[in-house]
Protein backbone atom coordinates (compact mmCIF):
# COMPACT_ATOMS: atom_id res chain seq x y z
CA MET A 1 15.98 183.03 -157.10
CA LYS A 2 18.28 180.17 -157.87
CA LEU A 3 16.80 176.58 -158.52
CA SER A 4 16.96 174.08 -155.82
CA THR A 5 17.58 170.19 -156.73
CA ILE A 6 14.92 168.21 -155.03
CA THR A 7 14.99 164.40 -154.59
CA LEU A 8 12.19 162.34 -153.55
CA TYR A 9 12.92 158.66 -152.13
CA TYR A 10 10.34 155.84 -152.00
CA ASN A 11 9.57 153.72 -149.14
CA THR A 12 12.28 154.71 -146.78
CA PRO A 13 12.20 153.41 -143.04
CA MET A 14 12.17 157.28 -142.20
CA THR A 15 8.72 157.44 -140.49
CA ASP A 16 9.46 158.71 -136.81
CA PHE A 17 10.92 161.80 -135.72
CA ASN A 18 12.49 160.27 -132.53
CA ASN A 19 14.53 157.68 -134.57
CA THR A 20 16.91 158.94 -136.91
CA VAL A 21 19.85 157.47 -139.02
CA HIS A 22 23.32 158.61 -137.99
CA TYR A 23 26.47 159.18 -140.16
CA ASP A 24 29.73 161.09 -139.49
CA THR A 25 28.65 163.29 -142.55
CA VAL A 26 25.47 164.53 -144.14
CA SER A 27 27.13 163.43 -147.60
CA ALA A 28 27.56 159.83 -146.30
CA TYR A 29 23.77 160.02 -145.34
CA LYS A 30 22.79 161.24 -148.60
CA ASN A 31 24.90 158.72 -150.39
CA TRP A 32 23.08 155.83 -148.50
CA LEU A 33 19.48 157.17 -149.49
CA ASP A 34 20.58 157.71 -153.11
CA ARG A 35 22.19 154.00 -153.11
CA LYS A 36 19.36 152.03 -151.16
CA PHE A 37 16.03 153.52 -152.31
CA LYS A 38 14.23 154.21 -155.57
CA LYS A 39 14.05 158.01 -156.16
CA VAL A 40 13.27 160.96 -158.58
CA GLU A 41 15.07 164.22 -158.84
CA PHE A 42 14.09 167.57 -160.45
CA GLN A 43 14.98 171.13 -160.44
CA LYS A 44 12.61 174.02 -159.33
CA GLN A 45 12.52 177.27 -157.53
CA PHE A 46 11.77 176.35 -154.01
CA ASN A 47 11.76 178.72 -150.72
CA MET A 48 10.87 177.00 -147.53
CA VAL A 49 9.20 180.21 -145.94
CA ARG A 50 7.58 181.26 -149.12
CA ASP A 51 6.16 177.98 -150.28
CA ARG A 52 5.40 177.10 -146.52
CA LEU A 53 6.93 173.64 -146.88
CA THR A 54 4.85 172.69 -149.88
CA ILE A 55 6.73 171.41 -153.07
CA ASN A 56 4.69 171.19 -156.13
CA ALA A 57 6.76 168.70 -158.04
CA PRO A 58 6.31 167.83 -161.74
CA ILE A 59 5.12 164.19 -161.14
CA GLN A 60 2.06 162.52 -161.94
CA TYR A 61 -0.48 161.99 -158.67
CA GLU A 62 -0.35 158.15 -159.43
CA ASN A 63 3.50 157.79 -159.55
CA THR A 64 3.66 159.20 -156.03
CA GLU A 65 2.72 156.28 -154.17
CA GLY A 66 5.34 155.21 -151.63
CA VAL A 67 7.21 158.48 -151.64
CA ASN A 68 7.76 159.37 -147.76
CA TYR A 69 11.01 161.01 -147.70
CA GLY A 70 13.15 163.76 -149.66
CA CYS A 71 16.04 166.15 -149.69
CA PHE A 72 16.30 169.43 -151.33
CA PHE A 73 19.77 171.72 -151.47
CA ASP A 74 18.85 175.26 -150.82
CA GLY A 75 19.43 177.34 -153.73
CA PHE A 76 21.19 180.01 -152.00
CA THR A 77 23.47 178.13 -149.51
CA ASN A 78 23.50 174.75 -151.29
CA LYS A 79 22.90 173.12 -148.01
CA PRO A 80 21.06 170.00 -148.03
CA TYR A 81 17.72 169.77 -145.93
CA PHE A 82 16.16 166.35 -145.35
CA PHE A 83 12.31 166.12 -145.00
CA TYR A 84 9.50 163.89 -144.18
CA VAL A 85 6.64 163.66 -146.69
CA MET A 86 3.74 164.00 -144.56
CA ALA A 87 0.86 164.37 -147.33
CA THR A 88 0.28 164.25 -150.96
CA GLN A 89 -2.24 166.45 -152.92
CA TYR A 90 -3.21 166.18 -156.51
CA VAL A 91 -3.02 169.68 -158.31
CA ASN A 92 -3.36 168.46 -162.02
CA ASP A 93 -2.25 165.78 -164.27
CA GLN A 94 1.22 166.59 -164.21
CA VAL A 95 1.72 168.24 -160.86
CA THR A 96 1.64 166.72 -157.34
CA ALA A 97 2.00 168.89 -154.14
CA PHE A 98 3.74 167.57 -151.18
CA GLN A 99 3.25 168.64 -147.59
CA ILE A 100 6.74 168.37 -145.96
CA VAL A 101 8.32 168.75 -142.35
CA ILE A 102 12.04 169.25 -142.16
CA ASP A 103 13.92 166.28 -140.48
CA VAL A 104 16.00 168.37 -138.36
CA MET A 105 17.91 165.65 -136.86
CA ALA A 106 19.09 164.26 -140.05
CA THR A 107 19.72 167.65 -141.63
CA PHE A 108 21.73 169.44 -138.61
CA THR A 109 23.08 166.77 -136.24
CA GLN A 110 25.07 164.32 -138.35
CA GLY A 111 28.65 163.54 -137.22
CA ARG A 112 29.70 165.06 -133.98
CA VAL A 113 27.40 168.24 -133.50
CA LEU A 114 25.66 167.13 -130.53
CA GLU A 115 28.80 166.02 -128.70
CA GLY A 116 30.07 168.00 -125.80
CA ILE A 117 27.25 170.27 -125.35
CA GLU A 118 28.02 171.91 -121.61
CA ASN A 119 25.78 172.56 -118.86
CA VAL A 120 22.82 170.86 -119.90
CA THR A 121 20.52 168.45 -117.82
CA ILE A 122 21.34 165.07 -118.85
CA LYS A 123 18.36 162.88 -118.29
CA ARG A 124 19.60 159.61 -120.13
CA GLN A 125 22.56 158.78 -122.50
CA HIS A 126 24.62 155.94 -123.63
CA LEU A 127 28.27 156.51 -122.67
CA PRO A 128 31.79 155.68 -124.45
CA LEU A 129 33.84 152.94 -122.83
CA THR A 130 35.99 155.09 -120.90
CA THR A 131 33.35 156.93 -119.21
CA TYR A 132 31.27 153.87 -118.67
CA GLY A 133 34.11 152.21 -116.81
CA GLU A 134 34.49 155.75 -114.70
CA ARG A 135 30.82 155.84 -113.81
CA LEU A 136 30.15 151.97 -113.50
CA PRO A 137 29.81 152.31 -109.60
CA GLU A 138 27.01 154.76 -109.75
CA LEU A 139 25.35 152.96 -112.84
CA ARG A 140 25.05 149.81 -110.40
CA THR A 141 23.73 151.62 -107.49
CA ASN A 142 21.48 154.36 -108.62
CA ASN A 143 17.56 154.37 -108.98
CA ASP A 144 17.59 153.69 -112.71
CA ILE A 145 16.47 150.04 -112.11
CA LEU A 146 13.44 147.79 -113.27
CA LYS A 147 11.78 145.69 -111.02
CA THR A 148 12.12 141.77 -111.25
CA THR A 149 9.49 139.21 -109.93
CA THR A 150 11.16 136.07 -110.91
CA LYS A 151 14.45 135.55 -109.32
CA LYS A 152 15.56 132.05 -108.44
CA TYR A 153 18.77 130.48 -107.20
CA VAL A 154 21.15 129.92 -110.20
CA TYR A 155 24.47 128.84 -108.30
CA SER A 156 25.87 128.10 -104.81
CA LYS A 157 29.11 127.04 -103.10
CA SER A 158 29.66 125.97 -99.67
CA VAL A 159 32.65 125.93 -97.46
CA ILE A 160 32.49 122.71 -95.32
CA TRP A 161 34.96 122.14 -92.52
CA THR A 162 35.10 118.31 -91.79
CA GLY A 163 37.90 117.90 -90.00
CA MET A 164 37.51 118.72 -85.96
CA ILE A 165 40.13 119.41 -83.46
CA CYS A 166 39.16 119.27 -79.65
CA VAL A 167 40.66 122.48 -77.93
CA PHE A 168 40.33 122.46 -74.24
CA GLN A 169 41.72 124.22 -71.24
CA CYS A 170 43.17 122.41 -68.08
CA SER A 171 44.47 123.78 -64.85
CA VAL A 172 46.64 120.93 -64.07
CA ASP A 173 49.89 120.03 -65.97
CA LEU A 174 49.25 117.11 -67.84
CA GLU A 175 52.76 116.46 -68.77
CA ALA A 176 53.57 115.72 -65.09
CA GLU A 177 53.17 112.47 -63.49
CA PHE A 178 49.74 111.90 -62.13
CA GLY A 179 50.55 109.21 -59.22
CA THR A 180 48.31 106.31 -58.46
CA VAL A 181 44.71 106.36 -57.01
CA ASN A 182 46.46 105.44 -53.68
CA LYS A 183 49.07 108.15 -54.00
CA PRO A 184 47.64 110.66 -56.64
CA ASN A 185 49.80 113.69 -57.44
CA ILE A 186 48.66 116.90 -58.96
CA LYS A 187 50.92 119.60 -60.36
CA LEU A 188 49.53 123.03 -61.21
CA SER A 189 49.49 124.16 -64.86
CA LYS A 190 52.26 126.49 -65.86
CA GLY A 191 49.89 128.37 -68.13
CA VAL A 192 50.42 129.88 -71.25
CA LYS A 193 50.07 133.24 -73.18
CA TYR A 194 48.03 132.78 -76.41
CA ASP A 195 46.33 135.31 -78.43
CA LYS A 196 47.72 138.18 -76.25
CA ILE A 197 45.91 136.53 -73.41
CA VAL A 198 47.83 135.69 -70.33
CA SER A 199 46.28 132.81 -68.22
CA PRO A 200 47.54 130.17 -65.63
CA VAL A 201 45.39 127.64 -67.23
CA GLY A 202 46.94 125.54 -70.12
CA LEU A 203 45.68 124.89 -73.52
CA TYR A 204 45.69 121.75 -75.32
CA ALA A 205 44.52 120.36 -78.64
CA ILE A 206 43.82 116.68 -79.90
CA ASP A 207 42.22 115.46 -83.06
CA LEU A 208 38.69 114.45 -82.59
CA GLU A 209 39.52 110.77 -83.71
CA HIS A 210 41.68 110.50 -81.12
CA PHE A 211 39.82 112.24 -78.24
CA LYS A 212 37.98 108.99 -77.49
CA SER A 213 41.08 107.24 -76.71
CA PHE A 214 42.54 110.17 -74.60
CA SER A 215 39.22 110.38 -72.62
CA ALA A 216 39.31 106.55 -71.91
CA ALA A 217 43.14 106.96 -70.65
CA LEU A 218 41.75 110.14 -68.15
CA THR A 219 39.09 107.55 -66.43
CA ASP A 220 41.80 106.14 -64.46
CA PHE A 221 43.15 109.41 -63.63
CA ALA A 222 39.65 111.28 -62.07
CA TRP A 223 41.58 113.71 -59.88
CA ILE A 224 43.30 114.85 -63.26
CA GLY A 225 40.34 114.63 -65.46
CA GLN A 226 38.15 116.86 -63.36
CA ASN A 227 40.39 119.63 -64.25
CA ILE A 228 39.74 119.69 -68.07
CA LYS A 229 37.20 122.21 -69.07
CA SER A 230 35.75 123.58 -72.02
CA VAL A 231 36.60 120.97 -74.69
CA MET A 232 35.33 122.66 -77.81
CA LEU A 233 35.16 121.07 -81.21
CA ILE A 234 37.04 123.77 -83.70
CA PRO A 235 37.44 122.90 -87.33
CA LYS A 236 41.14 122.14 -88.06
CA ASP A 237 41.23 124.60 -91.02
CA LEU A 238 40.72 127.32 -88.70
CA ILE A 239 43.73 126.63 -86.30
CA ASP A 240 47.46 127.21 -87.39
CA THR A 241 48.95 123.90 -86.98
CA GLY A 242 52.49 125.79 -86.36
CA ASP A 243 50.83 127.02 -83.18
CA LEU A 244 50.87 123.42 -81.83
CA GLU A 245 53.94 121.43 -80.44
CA ALA A 246 53.81 117.92 -78.92
CA SER A 247 52.64 117.25 -75.29
CA LYS A 248 53.61 114.56 -72.81
CA PHE A 249 50.88 113.01 -70.75
CA ASN A 250 51.70 111.73 -67.46
CA GLY A 251 55.13 111.85 -67.84
CA LYS A 252 55.27 110.09 -71.07
CA THR A 253 55.23 111.11 -74.78
CA HIS A 254 51.93 110.98 -76.34
CA ASN A 255 51.16 110.21 -80.05
CA TYR A 256 48.19 112.79 -80.48
CA LEU A 257 48.05 115.36 -77.76
CA LYS A 258 49.37 118.86 -78.52
CA LYS A 259 49.76 122.02 -76.67
CA PHE A 260 49.59 125.59 -77.67
CA VAL A 261 53.02 127.30 -78.30
CA SER A 262 53.21 130.29 -75.51
CA GLY A 263 53.22 133.93 -77.40
CA LYS A 264 51.59 132.62 -80.75
CA VAL A 265 48.37 134.17 -81.82
CA SER A 266 45.71 132.51 -83.86
CA ALA A 267 45.59 132.56 -87.58
CA ASN A 268 43.79 135.51 -89.58
CA LYS A 269 43.66 134.51 -93.29
CA ASP A 270 41.96 134.44 -96.51
CA ILE A 271 39.47 131.74 -97.32
CA SER A 272 40.78 130.49 -100.70
CA ASP A 273 37.72 128.01 -101.25
CA ILE A 274 35.91 131.07 -102.82
CA ASN A 275 37.34 133.58 -104.91
CA TRP A 276 34.96 134.91 -107.76
CA SER A 277 35.97 137.72 -110.07
CA PRO A 278 33.30 139.91 -111.27
CA ASP A 279 33.24 138.36 -114.76
CA THR A 280 32.78 134.83 -112.90
CA ILE A 281 29.60 136.27 -110.89
CA MET A 282 28.15 137.61 -114.13
CA ASP A 283 28.82 134.09 -115.57
CA TYR A 284 26.96 132.54 -113.04
CA LEU A 285 24.18 135.09 -113.06
CA GLY A 286 23.78 134.76 -116.99
CA TYR A 287 24.94 138.11 -118.02
CA PRO A 288 27.44 139.00 -120.45
CA ASN A 289 30.67 140.30 -118.95
CA ASP A 290 30.50 143.43 -120.58
CA GLU A 291 27.39 144.67 -118.95
CA LYS A 292 29.06 145.10 -115.70
CA HIS A 293 25.84 147.78 -114.84
CA LEU A 294 23.94 144.86 -114.45
CA LEU A 295 25.83 143.62 -111.57
CA ARG A 296 23.61 145.00 -108.89
CA ASN A 297 21.14 144.14 -106.21
CA GLU A 298 17.60 143.93 -108.19
CA TYR A 299 19.04 142.07 -110.94
CA GLY A 300 20.86 139.28 -108.91
CA THR A 301 21.32 138.60 -105.31
CA LEU A 302 24.15 137.25 -103.33
CA GLU A 303 23.49 135.50 -100.09
CA VAL A 304 25.87 134.06 -97.68
CA TYR A 305 24.68 132.10 -94.45
CA ASN A 306 25.65 129.38 -92.13
CA TRP A 307 23.24 126.78 -90.63
CA VAL A 308 22.77 128.45 -87.40
CA GLY A 309 20.39 131.26 -88.36
CA GLU A 310 23.07 133.77 -89.37
CA SER A 311 23.21 135.27 -92.94
CA LEU A 312 24.51 138.34 -94.96
CA ASP A 313 22.70 139.80 -97.98
CA LEU A 314 25.61 141.41 -100.04
CA ASP A 315 24.37 144.25 -102.42
CA LEU A 316 25.95 143.11 -105.65
CA GLY A 317 26.17 146.88 -106.56
CA PHE A 318 29.07 147.28 -104.06
CA LEU A 319 30.93 144.18 -105.43
CA PRO A 320 34.73 145.38 -105.45
CA SER A 321 36.82 145.24 -108.44
CA THR A 322 38.74 142.45 -106.90
CA GLY A 323 35.69 140.19 -106.81
CA LEU A 324 34.36 138.12 -104.04
CA LYS A 325 36.64 136.93 -101.34
CA PHE A 326 36.46 136.00 -97.93
CA HIS A 327 38.89 136.73 -94.79
CA MET A 328 38.72 135.12 -91.33
CA VAL A 329 39.58 136.74 -88.23
CA THR A 330 39.99 134.38 -85.20
CA SER A 331 40.25 134.14 -81.41
CA ILE A 332 41.08 130.74 -80.26
CA GLY A 333 41.45 129.04 -76.93
CA TYR A 334 40.30 131.04 -74.21
CA SER A 335 37.59 132.79 -76.18
CA ASN A 336 36.77 130.84 -79.27
CA LYS A 337 35.38 133.24 -82.03
CA ILE A 338 35.53 133.33 -85.57
CA SER A 339 34.52 136.12 -87.97
CA ILE A 340 34.02 135.80 -91.60
CA PHE A 341 33.63 138.79 -94.17
CA PRO A 342 34.13 139.73 -97.67
CA LEU A 343 37.41 141.55 -98.38
CA ASN A 344 36.85 145.19 -99.79
CA TRP A 345 33.19 145.27 -99.66
CA ALA A 346 31.89 148.77 -100.31
CA SER A 347 35.36 150.07 -100.72
CA ASP A 348 36.95 152.33 -103.40
CA GLY A 349 40.48 153.05 -102.88
CA GLU A 350 40.28 152.61 -99.20
CA THR A 351 43.59 150.79 -97.77
CA ASN A 352 43.88 148.66 -94.57
CA GLN A 353 44.35 150.61 -91.47
CA GLY A 354 46.64 147.86 -89.56
CA ASN A 355 44.29 145.19 -88.54
CA VAL A 356 41.45 146.84 -89.66
CA LYS A 357 40.70 145.74 -93.20
CA ALA A 358 39.10 148.10 -96.16
CA GLY A 359 35.52 148.16 -96.50
CA THR A 360 32.58 147.01 -94.43
CA PHE A 361 35.03 144.85 -92.29
CA LEU A 362 33.32 143.19 -89.43
CA ASN A 363 30.32 145.10 -89.50
CA ASN A 364 29.41 142.80 -92.47
CA SER A 365 30.35 139.35 -90.99
CA LEU A 366 29.40 135.75 -90.01
CA ASN A 367 30.33 134.73 -86.52
CA PHE A 368 30.99 131.76 -85.03
CA SER A 369 31.22 131.21 -81.47
CA ASN A 370 28.62 128.61 -80.54
CA TRP A 371 30.93 125.52 -80.57
CA THR A 372 30.01 122.11 -79.85
CA GLU A 373 31.36 121.46 -76.14
CA VAL A 374 32.35 117.87 -75.55
CA PRO A 375 31.86 116.58 -72.13
CA VAL A 376 34.80 114.86 -70.05
CA LEU A 377 33.73 111.71 -68.09
CA VAL A 378 35.02 111.64 -64.48
CA ASP A 379 34.72 108.36 -62.40
CA ASN A 380 33.53 109.58 -59.14
CA TYR A 381 34.52 106.34 -57.51
CA ASN A 382 38.12 106.42 -58.81
CA LEU A 383 37.95 110.25 -57.79
CA GLY A 384 36.52 109.63 -54.22
CA LEU A 385 39.58 107.15 -53.65
CA ALA A 386 42.03 109.55 -54.71
CA MET A 387 40.45 112.17 -52.83
CA ASN A 388 40.62 110.20 -49.64
CA ALA A 389 43.95 108.45 -50.32
CA ASN A 390 45.69 110.28 -47.54
CA LYS A 391 42.85 109.60 -45.18
CA ARG A 392 42.80 105.98 -45.86
CA ALA A 393 46.25 105.82 -45.48
CA LEU A 394 46.24 107.02 -42.13
CA ALA A 395 43.21 105.14 -40.67
CA GLU A 396 44.84 101.90 -42.12
CA THR A 397 47.90 102.55 -39.99
CA ASN A 398 45.62 102.69 -36.98
CA THR A 399 44.66 99.09 -37.36
CA LEU A 400 46.09 96.04 -36.12
CA SER A 401 47.58 94.92 -39.43
CA GLY A 402 48.90 98.31 -39.94
CA ARG A 403 50.58 98.60 -36.86
CA VAL A 404 52.10 95.35 -37.58
CA LYS A 405 53.25 96.52 -41.03
CA ASN A 406 54.59 99.66 -39.48
CA ILE A 407 56.78 97.74 -37.20
CA GLY A 408 58.26 95.89 -40.19
CA ARG A 409 58.75 99.01 -42.14
CA THR A 410 60.35 100.60 -39.48
CA ALA A 411 62.63 97.87 -38.55
CA ASN A 412 63.96 97.94 -42.30
CA ASP A 413 63.99 101.89 -42.68
CA ASP A 414 67.57 102.90 -42.59
CA SER A 415 66.89 106.56 -42.54
CA GLN A 416 66.05 105.91 -38.65
CA ASN A 417 68.62 105.65 -36.23
CA THR A 418 68.51 102.76 -33.39
CA THR A 419 66.72 104.88 -31.06
CA GLU A 420 64.08 106.15 -33.24
CA LYS A 421 63.41 102.62 -34.49
CA ALA A 422 63.04 101.23 -31.05
CA ILE A 423 60.75 104.13 -30.01
CA ASN A 424 58.43 103.73 -33.12
CA VAL A 425 58.30 99.87 -32.71
CA PHE A 426 57.52 100.16 -29.03
CA THR A 427 54.90 102.34 -29.66
CA ASP A 428 53.17 100.40 -32.47
CA ALA A 429 53.54 97.25 -30.36
CA TYR A 430 52.04 98.87 -27.37
CA THR A 431 49.30 100.26 -29.34
CA ILE A 432 48.50 96.66 -30.87
CA LEU A 433 48.10 95.44 -27.21
CA GLY A 434 46.07 98.33 -25.90
CA GLY A 435 48.96 99.35 -23.71
CA SER A 436 49.22 95.79 -21.82
CA LEU A 437 50.14 92.26 -22.78
CA ASN A 438 46.74 90.78 -22.34
CA PRO A 439 45.43 88.28 -25.00
CA LEU A 440 42.05 89.44 -24.75
CA ASN A 441 43.19 93.09 -25.95
CA ILE A 442 44.76 91.40 -28.74
CA GLY A 443 41.46 89.60 -29.78
CA SER A 444 39.47 92.77 -29.40
CA LYS A 445 42.03 94.53 -31.90
CA ILE A 446 41.36 92.01 -34.31
CA VAL A 447 37.75 92.37 -34.33
CA ASP A 448 38.06 96.17 -34.53
CA GLU A 449 40.34 95.80 -37.56
CA GLN A 450 37.66 93.47 -39.38
CA ASN A 451 35.04 96.10 -38.54
CA PHE A 452 37.07 98.76 -40.17
CA TYR A 453 37.56 96.82 -43.33
CA ARG A 454 33.92 95.79 -43.60
CA GLN A 455 33.17 99.66 -43.17
CA GLN A 456 35.51 100.74 -45.79
CA LYS A 457 34.30 98.12 -48.10
CA ALA A 458 30.94 99.32 -47.87
CA GLU A 459 31.81 102.70 -48.12
CA PHE A 460 33.52 101.82 -51.44
CA ALA A 461 30.74 99.81 -52.56
CA ASP A 462 28.23 102.89 -52.05
CA MET A 463 31.11 105.08 -54.05
CA ALA A 464 31.21 102.51 -56.97
CA LEU A 465 27.30 102.97 -57.47
CA SER A 466 27.53 106.96 -57.65
CA SER A 467 26.94 108.22 -61.16
CA PRO A 468 29.94 109.39 -62.89
CA SER A 469 30.09 113.11 -63.59
CA LEU A 470 30.06 114.88 -66.78
CA SER A 471 31.84 118.30 -67.31
CA SER A 472 29.87 120.97 -69.12
CA GLN A 473 28.45 120.20 -72.74
CA SER A 474 26.51 121.88 -75.33
CA GLY A 475 25.07 120.94 -78.69
CA GLY A 476 26.52 124.09 -80.69
CA GLU A 477 27.02 123.20 -84.12
CA ALA A 478 26.49 119.30 -83.63
CA PHE A 479 23.60 119.43 -86.02
CA SER A 480 25.57 120.92 -88.74
CA ILE A 481 28.76 118.62 -88.17
CA ALA A 482 26.59 115.62 -88.37
CA ASN A 483 25.06 116.72 -91.80
CA ASP A 484 28.18 117.73 -93.06
CA ILE A 485 27.14 121.56 -93.40
CA PHE A 486 29.60 122.82 -91.03
CA GLY A 487 30.82 126.22 -92.63
CA PHE A 488 28.83 128.69 -94.88
CA THR A 489 27.32 128.61 -97.95
CA VAL A 490 27.19 131.41 -100.81
CA LYS A 491 24.06 131.43 -103.15
CA LEU A 492 23.32 133.59 -106.17
CA SER A 493 19.93 133.83 -107.79
CA ALA A 494 18.70 135.70 -110.82
CA PRO A 495 15.65 136.54 -112.94
CA SER A 496 14.32 134.49 -115.54
CA ALA A 497 15.98 134.46 -118.81
CA ARG A 498 12.85 136.33 -120.21
CA GLU A 499 13.13 139.00 -117.59
CA LYS A 500 16.91 139.19 -118.12
CA GLU A 501 16.47 140.04 -121.81
CA LYS A 502 13.91 142.76 -121.05
CA ILE A 503 16.41 144.16 -118.53
CA ARG A 504 19.11 144.16 -120.90
CA ARG A 505 17.06 145.40 -123.87
CA TYR A 506 16.18 148.43 -121.54
CA TYR A 507 19.79 149.82 -120.93
CA LYS A 508 20.86 149.02 -124.73
CA THR A 509 17.76 150.85 -126.05
CA PHE A 510 17.79 153.70 -123.55
CA GLY A 511 21.22 154.15 -122.28
CA PHE A 512 21.55 155.26 -118.51
CA GLN A 513 19.73 157.54 -116.27
CA PHE A 514 21.48 160.65 -114.71
CA GLU A 515 19.18 163.56 -114.09
CA GLU A 516 22.29 165.97 -113.58
CA GLN A 517 23.96 169.06 -114.93
CA GLY A 518 26.94 167.75 -117.18
CA ARG A 519 27.72 167.36 -121.13
CA THR A 520 26.87 165.13 -123.61
CA GLU A 521 28.96 162.29 -124.86
CA ARG A 522 29.61 161.12 -128.36
CA LEU A 523 27.00 159.49 -130.30
CA ASP A 524 28.77 156.93 -132.12
CA SER A 525 30.05 154.81 -128.87
CA MET A 526 27.54 152.11 -129.58
CA ARG A 527 27.37 149.55 -132.00
CA ILE A 528 23.57 149.60 -133.25
CA VAL A 529 21.95 152.76 -131.61
CA ASN A 530 22.89 155.81 -129.36
CA TYR A 531 20.27 157.20 -127.06
CA LEU A 532 20.15 160.91 -126.14
CA GLN A 533 17.76 162.83 -123.76
CA ILE A 534 18.59 166.24 -122.62
CA ASP A 535 17.11 169.39 -121.41
CA GLY A 536 18.27 172.90 -120.74
CA VAL A 537 19.31 176.32 -122.25
CA TYR A 538 21.80 175.45 -125.17
CA ASN A 539 22.30 176.40 -128.74
CA ILE A 540 24.01 174.97 -131.66
CA THR A 541 25.85 177.05 -133.95
CA GLY A 542 24.41 177.50 -137.76
CA VAL A 543 20.75 175.95 -136.78
CA PRO A 544 18.04 178.53 -137.59
CA PRO A 545 16.28 179.35 -134.40
CA GLN A 546 12.91 177.74 -135.47
CA PHE A 547 14.74 174.41 -136.26
CA MET A 548 16.66 174.90 -132.85
CA GLN A 549 13.44 174.62 -131.21
CA GLN A 550 12.27 171.49 -132.82
CA ILE A 551 15.55 170.07 -131.98
CA LYS A 552 15.24 170.81 -128.33
CA ALA A 553 11.87 169.59 -128.19
CA LEU A 554 12.87 166.14 -129.61
CA LEU A 555 15.74 165.75 -127.35
CA GLN A 556 13.88 166.74 -124.46
CA ILE A 557 11.57 163.57 -125.19
CA GLY A 558 14.74 161.35 -126.41
CA VAL A 559 15.95 160.42 -129.65
CA LYS A 560 17.68 157.28 -130.78
CA PHE A 561 20.59 157.79 -133.21
CA TRP A 562 20.81 154.43 -135.29
CA HIS A 563 24.24 153.45 -137.00
CA ASN A 564 24.43 151.68 -140.41
CA ARG A 565 27.73 149.96 -139.80
CA GLN A 566 26.47 147.11 -141.88
CA ASP A 567 25.01 149.42 -144.70
CA VAL A 568 21.61 147.80 -144.61
CA THR A 569 18.36 149.41 -145.89
CA ASN A 570 16.73 149.58 -142.54
CA PRO A 571 18.90 150.19 -139.72
CA PHE A 572 16.13 150.46 -137.40
CA ASN A 573 15.56 146.62 -137.64
CA GLN A 574 18.80 145.78 -136.64
CA SER A 575 18.75 143.47 -133.18
CA ILE A 576 19.16 146.01 -130.23
CA MET A 577 20.45 143.08 -128.28
CA ASN A 578 23.67 143.69 -130.28
CA ASN A 579 23.93 147.13 -129.10
CA ASN A 580 27.48 146.87 -127.25
CA ILE A 581 29.88 149.63 -126.60
CA ILE A 582 32.73 149.55 -129.04
CA ASN A 583 34.54 152.88 -128.31
């Protein structure tokens, strides 16, 4: 039997079967041991089976304190075997017995031996960079998650709409002349086609700051104002100003009144105020940008809400690679509704289908439809005069003074011929005198006219006391407008710093859970340590059966493969928080 070279090492960090130092080659591992630790070497005949893993070394017992690791080269194959020293026993003054256990991981798995094992059950493992990127979507949505209890808000941003515009409908043509209270004029609206809706009712818009003066101008034309309906306060940002053109008012140019252009459609557009990349969100949450697996619901929340009770809870695990962006679809005028939703949410490779955006689309949206409706004041006195203008004119023509006026007007009316003038003048004169030339009849007609005007004056006085009418109104978003919170808010929450460190340490230490049939990845992808936990039926060429079973038993529990890129004495003392993917 050939001699075996045996080396014993003092005070190494190798004390745990599930933690091993991993090098590219066995010789590199042996070289590190030789350089970093006190050692003693000797040669003797040694056989693992025959000697039952007991080495009788020519070392005095008092010189063995601290010996906890070793290596021997098989006398027949010259293969190195690394071992743990489990116990020492005095034999005699010159010999000490060492009970050893083969370090199967250091002996058989250096380099890329465990890489690419097929058809095994992968329980947990770290991933190389490319595979990490490919499998990131499932790493952010699977059940491999730690429960957190300390989440608090860490960042928020609001999209606030401040400038308001009054959008309203009107059944009469505001561009036509309105006439006067004694001769009112109403011209029906030409209607308009907007947002693919055809309506005989016109659509107009005017800035809120000018609506007061516009409304005041309408008080003199109550017969017009009563036809204005659905005056809604809509944010300017939601209306395409290119859809508006100048409008006349009462036949004259108006500085502020606009009308909607027929054939146009309201704007569907991106909301540029919020455009957060995944890296930006990671920064807000307090996570490093290279740990995107932490971008998931339990480790951060993303809430979107308005101030009328609607909210969206967006699962960060489905945040698209394009980040957080919002899109707005609108319907303005006849049906005022705005829907806001995140673009491409929960979408992977899907493309837009016409007007249907990729992702959750309107199934995951905030809706604005309860707008503030501003009332229009209608002067009922003015309206009453206008509504009875023709009746009043007819009644006045039947009075004494009315007949007298008629005679004058008839005499000067060039549109009538001589015969027509004579007949009309005679009729009015005869009516004034009650059909005769009796002076008593003239007196009675004067009394009747006085009574008429007294009665009319009394009726007008009663009308003046009647309350003005208001068109429909509603509070809608009034509270939000008053408090400058009209819009929507995005809020992010994250766990405490201590809890975030616990979460990060968990994945840096143990990799990612899979519980699937697959293949093992390379063990040098991480800076500090790679973790591997697998199960199944497999075999490694060149490993004796008894050692193969030990390897499988350890991997079933899980093994940390520590790297020593800094060439330190104890790689196990490296900070796990520096364990990042490097290739």
